[in-house]
Amino acid sequence: MDANNTPLHNVAHVPFDKATDIPIDKAELLSTLLESLLYGKFSVNGKSYRTLDPEFRAQGFSLLMFGGTIWVLVTRRSTTQVNRMMLTAACALLLFSTAHLVIDVIRIAHGLILFRDTHPRGPIGYFSDASQWTFVSKSYVYTAQTLIGDGVILYRCYTVWQSKLVVILPTLLWCGVAATGIANPLKALKAGQGEVFGGCLWEWITSFYTSTFMANSLTTFLLAFRIWSVDRKITKLCGQQKSQLRSISRIIIDAGMIYSFTLLAALICFVNKSNSQYVILNMVTPIISITFYMVIIRVGLSHRPCQSDVYVPIRLLKHGR
């Protein structure tokens, strides 16, 4: 579960360093600002763009990267049919990331404006109150976003390996993410003051972050390794020094590292009882979308069906992009 959605009643009073930790109300405001930038800004080589050019490089942020993803799936597909599974996943990720941002904006308006003077403990009390509907709502939205993102990577892994045995452990980890993500908001509502970092809820939150971190890292490694091994066979068979699959492997590793390092940073902040976790965790939802879109766009733009050395392996990836 997103640590933003836990009743961190004591976080503002027991941070890892009272002198340097950011106040919870400022952390919420900053996190929402950064989340909105990741959601809506799009830049290519330092310049802003409002339209999609077939020759643009796949660098940008969530909202217009979604447009680039749809363009790639529809116009640069290697088959006669549009990949409906990836198209549905892209739309779902946009929907949940939008919902998450809307809830965060509502929380800011409630905590800093509407209930600033009426809540018993002011903004800090509001943002630490797990009974607020926004806590539970954004928690389930984040869980859904995580399950879709991790599920897509898991499906890509199965597609290129074509082996159920290989994906048994990642599937179990994904199920662990689902179980802990669904249970965490309910546990948070029942947790008493001071129980977040030392009771049952602590174990559930830690299990959630550990499961999603391990699931993403493991599936990314398996996927990249499979593509790398196929690339080696192609180079030996065709007598070429380099194939397009090597760049695809780097794309997958890049996306996996961005997501994994973000999760790791959030977990470290949570373990150290720092309000900085709010800043990082609100950014995770758009980052999940960004890494998903990034793989599809970069692989799609680099795909050349006429290149016989990579055509067959890329067809193996078509259901995962």
Protein backbone atom coordinates (compact mmCIF):
# COMPACT_ATOMS: atom_id res chain seq x y z
CA MET A 1 0.00 0.00 0.00
CA ASP A 2 1.06 3.54 -0.65
CA ALA A 3 2.51 4.89 2.59
CA ASN A 4 0.59 8.12 1.84
CA ASN A 5 -2.54 6.19 2.71
CA THR A 6 -1.46 4.91 6.10
CA PRO A 7 -2.46 6.65 9.35
CA LEU A 8 0.93 8.16 10.00
CA HIS A 9 -0.30 10.06 13.07
CA ASN A 10 3.16 10.23 14.54
CA VAL A 11 5.19 10.88 11.42
CA ALA A 12 5.04 14.64 11.91
CA HIS A 13 6.15 14.23 15.54
CA VAL A 14 8.65 11.37 15.29
CA PRO A 15 10.59 11.90 12.06
CA PHE A 16 14.03 10.48 11.53
CA ASP A 17 15.48 13.97 12.09
CA LYS A 18 13.27 16.71 13.50
CA ALA A 19 15.70 19.40 12.41
CA THR A 20 15.82 18.39 8.74
CA ASP A 21 12.61 16.47 7.97
CA ILE A 22 10.03 18.24 5.83
CA PRO A 23 6.66 18.95 7.54
CA ILE A 24 3.87 16.69 6.40
CA ASP A 25 1.70 19.49 4.98
CA LYS A 26 4.58 20.84 2.89
CA ALA A 27 5.45 17.30 1.80
CA GLU A 28 1.89 16.76 0.57
CA LEU A 29 1.88 20.03 -1.36
CA LEU A 30 5.28 19.38 -2.94
CA SER A 31 4.40 15.78 -3.83
CA THR A 32 1.18 16.85 -5.57
CA LEU A 33 3.07 19.50 -7.53
CA LEU A 34 5.69 17.00 -8.70
CA GLU A 35 3.02 14.42 -9.49
CA SER A 36 1.18 16.95 -11.67
CA LEU A 37 4.40 17.75 -13.54
CA LEU A 38 5.06 14.09 -14.22
CA TYR A 39 1.48 13.60 -15.28
CA GLY A 40 1.10 16.49 -17.69
CA LYS A 41 4.45 17.73 -18.98
CA PHE A 42 6.04 16.44 -22.14
CA SER A 43 9.44 17.44 -23.46
CA VAL A 44 11.79 16.25 -26.12
CA ASN A 45 15.42 17.30 -25.94
CA GLY A 46 14.53 20.08 -23.53
CA LYS A 47 11.69 21.53 -25.70
CA SER A 48 7.96 21.33 -25.10
CA TYR A 49 5.68 19.75 -27.70
CA ARG A 50 1.91 19.71 -28.08
CA THR A 51 1.70 17.41 -31.09
CA LEU A 52 3.17 14.05 -31.98
CA ASP A 53 5.75 13.86 -34.73
CA PRO A 54 6.64 10.44 -36.20
CA GLU A 55 10.32 11.32 -35.75
CA PHE A 56 10.22 12.46 -32.12
CA ARG A 57 12.42 10.71 -29.64
CA ALA A 58 10.56 8.84 -26.91
CA GLN A 59 11.30 11.10 -24.01
CA GLY A 60 8.58 12.83 -22.05
CA PHE A 61 5.99 12.49 -19.30
CA SER A 62 2.78 10.65 -18.73
CA LEU A 63 -0.09 12.46 -20.46
CA LEU A 64 1.41 12.98 -23.91
CA MET A 65 3.41 9.77 -23.67
CA PHE A 66 0.01 8.11 -23.54
CA GLY A 67 -0.76 9.73 -26.89
CA GLY A 68 2.54 8.47 -28.24
CA THR A 69 1.74 4.98 -27.00
CA ILE A 70 -1.63 4.94 -28.75
CA TRP A 71 0.03 6.17 -31.93
CA VAL A 72 2.63 3.40 -31.81
CA LEU A 73 0.12 0.67 -31.03
CA VAL A 74 -2.19 1.74 -33.85
CA THR A 75 0.15 2.87 -36.64
CA ARG A 76 3.41 0.99 -36.07
CA ARG A 77 2.13 -2.46 -35.22
CA SER A 78 3.80 -5.51 -36.81
CA THR A 79 0.48 -7.35 -37.23
CA THR A 80 -2.83 -6.55 -38.93
CA GLN A 81 -4.67 -6.24 -35.61
CA VAL A 82 -4.22 -3.72 -32.83
CA ASN A 83 -2.94 -5.22 -29.60
CA ARG A 84 -6.10 -4.77 -27.53
CA MET A 85 -4.52 -5.98 -24.31
CA MET A 86 -1.78 -3.34 -24.34
CA LEU A 87 -4.25 -0.71 -25.53
CA THR A 88 -6.55 -1.51 -22.61
CA ALA A 89 -3.65 -1.45 -20.16
CA ALA A 90 -2.51 1.95 -21.46
CA CYS A 91 -6.01 3.41 -21.04
CA ALA A 92 -6.37 1.90 -17.56
CA LEU A 93 -3.03 3.35 -16.44
CA LEU A 94 -4.06 6.79 -17.67
CA LEU A 95 -7.42 6.48 -15.90
CA PHE A 96 -5.92 5.49 -12.55
CA SER A 97 -3.10 8.02 -12.69
CA THR A 98 -5.68 10.73 -13.44
CA ALA A 99 -7.87 9.58 -10.55
CA HIS A 100 -4.87 9.56 -8.21
CA LEU A 101 -3.93 13.12 -9.14
CA VAL A 102 -7.52 14.34 -8.76
CA ILE A 103 -7.72 12.83 -5.27
CA ASP A 104 -4.42 14.46 -4.32
CA VAL A 105 -5.66 17.86 -5.49
CA ILE A 106 -8.83 17.38 -3.43
CA ARG A 107 -6.70 16.46 -0.40
CA ILE A 108 -4.64 19.62 -0.79
CA ALA A 109 -7.77 21.75 -1.09
CA HIS A 110 -9.31 20.12 1.99
CA GLY A 111 -6.19 20.12 4.15
CA LEU A 112 -4.86 23.57 3.36
CA ILE A 113 -8.08 25.49 2.64
CA LEU A 114 -11.44 23.96 3.61
CA PHE A 115 -10.51 22.25 6.88
CA ARG A 116 -7.41 24.21 7.78
CA ASP A 117 -9.07 25.94 10.71
CA THR A 118 -11.77 23.39 11.55
CA HIS A 119 -9.73 20.20 11.89
CA PRO A 120 -8.59 19.66 15.53
CA ARG A 121 -4.89 19.52 14.57
CA GLY A 122 -5.00 21.69 11.48
CA PRO A 123 -3.42 20.64 8.16
CA ILE A 124 -0.96 18.26 9.83
CA GLY A 125 -3.80 16.48 11.58
CA TYR A 126 -5.84 16.27 8.39
CA PHE A 127 -3.04 14.81 6.29
CA SER A 128 -2.25 12.28 9.05
CA ASP A 129 -5.87 11.20 9.51
CA ALA A 130 -6.51 7.74 8.07
CA SER A 131 -10.27 8.13 8.48
CA GLN A 132 -10.32 10.56 5.55
CA TRP A 133 -11.87 8.97 2.46
CA THR A 134 -9.06 10.32 0.33
CA PHE A 135 -6.54 8.12 2.18
CA VAL A 136 -8.35 4.90 1.42
CA SER A 137 -9.38 5.91 -2.10
CA LYS A 138 -5.90 6.85 -3.30
CA SER A 139 -4.52 3.73 -1.67
CA TYR A 140 -6.72 1.46 -3.76
CA VAL A 141 -6.03 3.51 -6.88
CA TYR A 142 -2.30 3.12 -6.28
CA THR A 143 -2.72 -0.62 -5.71
CA ALA A 144 -4.65 -0.99 -8.98
CA GLN A 145 -1.97 0.98 -10.84
CA THR A 146 0.75 -1.21 -9.35
CA LEU A 147 -1.04 -4.45 -10.23
CA ILE A 148 -1.51 -3.35 -13.85
CA GLY A 149 2.11 -2.22 -14.23
CA ASP A 150 3.58 -5.32 -12.63
CA GLY A 151 1.09 -7.53 -14.44
CA VAL A 152 2.14 -6.19 -17.85
CA ILE A 153 5.79 -6.89 -17.11
CA LEU A 154 4.85 -10.38 -15.93
CA TYR A 155 2.90 -11.02 -19.13
CA ARG A 156 5.78 -9.80 -21.27
CA CYS A 157 8.07 -12.17 -19.38
CA TYR A 158 5.77 -15.13 -20.03
CA THR A 159 5.40 -14.15 -23.70
CA VAL A 160 9.12 -14.24 -24.47
CA TRP A 161 9.86 -17.33 -22.34
CA GLN A 162 6.70 -19.31 -23.21
CA SER A 163 7.15 -21.21 -19.95
CA LYS A 164 4.83 -21.28 -16.95
CA LEU A 165 7.61 -22.60 -14.77
CA VAL A 166 9.72 -19.48 -15.27
CA VAL A 167 6.98 -17.13 -14.10
CA ILE A 168 5.82 -19.11 -11.04
CA LEU A 169 7.80 -17.03 -8.52
CA PRO A 170 6.97 -13.66 -10.15
CA THR A 171 3.30 -14.67 -10.21
CA LEU A 172 3.36 -15.52 -6.50
CA LEU A 173 4.99 -12.16 -5.78
CA TRP A 174 2.32 -10.42 -7.86
CA CYS A 175 -0.37 -12.20 -5.83
CA GLY A 176 1.38 -11.01 -2.67
CA VAL A 177 1.22 -7.44 -3.98
CA ALA A 178 -2.51 -7.85 -4.59
CA ALA A 179 -3.20 -9.32 -1.15
CA THR A 180 -1.22 -6.76 0.81
CA GLY A 181 -2.40 -3.87 -1.35
CA ILE A 182 -6.05 -4.73 -0.72
CA ALA A 183 -5.57 -5.36 3.00
CA ASN A 184 -3.37 -2.37 3.82
CA PRO A 185 -6.08 0.35 3.74
CA LEU A 186 -8.31 -1.74 6.00
CA LYS A 187 -5.45 -2.34 8.40
CA ALA A 188 -4.60 1.37 8.34
CA LEU A 189 -8.14 2.36 9.35
CA LYS A 190 -7.95 0.08 12.39
CA ALA A 191 -4.40 0.97 13.42
CA GLY A 192 -4.03 3.01 16.55
CA GLN A 193 -1.69 5.91 17.11
CA GLY A 194 1.96 4.81 17.06
CA GLU A 195 1.25 1.39 15.50
CA VAL A 196 2.35 2.19 11.94
CA PHE A 197 6.06 1.59 12.45
CA GLY A 198 5.94 -1.23 14.96
CA GLY A 199 2.82 -3.36 14.70
CA CYS A 200 0.93 -5.55 12.27
CA LEU A 201 0.45 -2.69 9.85
CA TRP A 202 4.22 -2.24 9.61
CA GLU A 203 4.58 -5.83 8.45
CA TRP A 204 1.83 -5.48 5.84
CA ILE A 205 3.29 -2.28 4.40
CA THR A 206 6.79 -3.73 4.32
CA SER A 207 5.45 -6.88 2.63
CA PHE A 208 3.73 -4.80 -0.03
CA TYR A 209 6.81 -2.79 -0.95
CA THR A 210 9.06 -5.83 -0.79
CA SER A 211 6.74 -7.86 -3.01
CA THR A 212 6.35 -5.23 -5.71
CA PHE A 213 10.07 -4.41 -5.66
CA MET A 214 11.06 -8.05 -5.99
CA ALA A 215 8.39 -8.81 -8.60
CA ASN A 216 9.45 -5.90 -10.80
CA SER A 217 13.18 -6.58 -10.41
CA LEU A 218 12.86 -10.31 -11.05
CA THR A 219 10.60 -10.05 -14.10
CA THR A 220 12.75 -7.29 -15.59
CA PHE A 221 15.85 -9.45 -15.17
CA LEU A 222 14.18 -12.52 -16.68
CA LEU A 223 12.82 -10.53 -19.60
CA ALA A 224 16.12 -8.80 -20.35
CA PHE A 225 18.08 -12.04 -19.99
CA ARG A 226 15.79 -13.86 -22.42
CA ILE A 227 16.10 -11.14 -25.04
CA TRP A 228 19.87 -11.03 -24.54
CA SER A 229 20.16 -14.80 -25.00
CA VAL A 230 18.07 -14.67 -28.18
CA ASP A 231 20.26 -11.83 -29.40
CA ARG A 232 23.38 -13.94 -28.93
CA LYS A 233 21.86 -16.78 -30.95
CA ILE A 234 20.90 -14.38 -33.73
CA THR A 235 24.37 -12.85 -33.95
CA LYS A 236 25.99 -16.29 -34.10
CA LEU A 237 23.50 -17.56 -36.67
CA CYS A 238 23.65 -14.52 -38.95
CA GLY A 239 27.30 -13.70 -38.35
CA GLN A 240 26.49 -10.13 -37.36
CA GLN A 241 28.13 -8.21 -34.54
CA LYS A 242 24.99 -6.45 -33.37
CA SER A 243 21.21 -6.84 -33.65
CA GLN A 244 18.32 -4.61 -32.74
CA LEU A 245 17.41 -6.81 -29.77
CA ARG A 246 20.33 -5.44 -27.79
CA SER A 247 18.79 -1.98 -27.75
CA ILE A 248 15.43 -3.48 -26.78
CA SER A 249 17.09 -5.18 -23.83
CA ARG A 250 18.52 -1.83 -22.69
CA ILE A 251 15.11 -0.19 -23.00
CA ILE A 252 13.56 -2.81 -20.72
CA ILE A 253 16.39 -2.51 -18.20
CA ASP A 254 16.08 1.29 -18.18
CA ALA A 255 12.36 1.15 -17.46
CA GLY A 256 12.80 -1.49 -14.76
CA MET A 257 15.58 0.46 -13.03
CA ILE A 258 13.56 3.70 -12.97
CA TYR A 259 10.63 1.98 -11.29
CA SER A 260 12.73 -0.17 -8.94
CA PHE A 261 14.90 2.70 -7.71
CA THR A 262 11.82 4.82 -7.07
CA LEU A 263 10.29 2.03 -4.97
CA LEU A 264 13.54 1.53 -3.12
CA ALA A 265 13.83 5.24 -2.31
CA ALA A 266 10.22 5.27 -1.03
CA LEU A 267 10.84 2.24 1.15
CA ILE A 268 14.01 3.74 2.64
CA CYS A 269 12.14 6.94 3.51
CA PHE A 270 9.33 4.92 5.08
CA VAL A 271 11.69 2.80 7.16
CA ASN A 272 13.40 5.97 8.40
CA LYS A 273 10.03 7.53 9.29
CA SER A 274 10.63 10.51 7.04
CA ASN A 275 7.87 12.66 5.58
CA SER A 276 9.89 12.61 2.37
CA GLN A 277 8.03 9.39 1.63
CA TYR A 278 5.03 11.52 0.66
CA VAL A 279 7.08 13.35 -1.94
CA ILE A 280 8.31 10.10 -3.52
CA LEU A 281 5.22 7.94 -3.22
CA ASN A 282 2.87 10.38 -4.94
CA MET A 283 5.28 10.27 -7.88
CA VAL A 284 5.18 6.48 -8.16
CA THR A 285 1.76 6.34 -9.84
CA PRO A 286 2.71 8.47 -12.88
CA ILE A 287 6.13 6.78 -13.00
CA ILE A 288 4.40 3.39 -13.43
CA SER A 289 2.60 4.81 -16.46
CA ILE A 290 5.73 6.49 -17.81
CA THR A 291 7.82 3.31 -17.72
CA PHE A 292 5.04 1.35 -19.42
CA TYR A 293 4.67 3.95 -22.17
CA MET A 294 8.43 4.31 -22.54
CA VAL A 295 8.95 0.67 -23.46
CA ILE A 296 6.16 0.67 -26.04
CA ILE A 297 7.22 3.94 -27.67
CA ARG A 298 10.95 3.23 -27.83
CA VAL A 299 10.52 -0.34 -29.05
CA GLY A 300 7.86 0.75 -31.54
CA LEU A 301 9.98 3.54 -33.00
CA SER A 302 13.03 1.30 -33.30
CA HIS A 303 11.08 -1.56 -34.94
CA ARG A 304 11.88 -2.19 -38.58
CA PRO A 305 9.91 -5.23 -39.87
CA CYS A 306 12.08 -5.42 -42.96
CA GLN A 307 15.12 -6.33 -40.89
CA SER A 308 15.08 -10.12 -40.98
CA ASP A 309 17.55 -10.59 -38.13
CA VAL A 310 15.18 -9.16 -35.53
CA TYR A 311 11.75 -9.71 -37.07
CA VAL A 312 10.98 -13.08 -35.49
CA PRO A 313 12.11 -12.18 -31.95
CA ILE A 314 10.15 -8.91 -32.04
CA ARG A 315 7.06 -10.87 -33.01
CA LEU A 316 7.56 -12.77 -29.77
CA LEU A 317 7.41 -9.42 -27.99
CA LYS A 318 4.37 -8.07 -29.84
CA HIS A 319 1.93 -9.16 -27.15
CA GLY A 320 4.06 -7.43 -24.56
CA ARG A 321 4.26 -4.05 -26.17
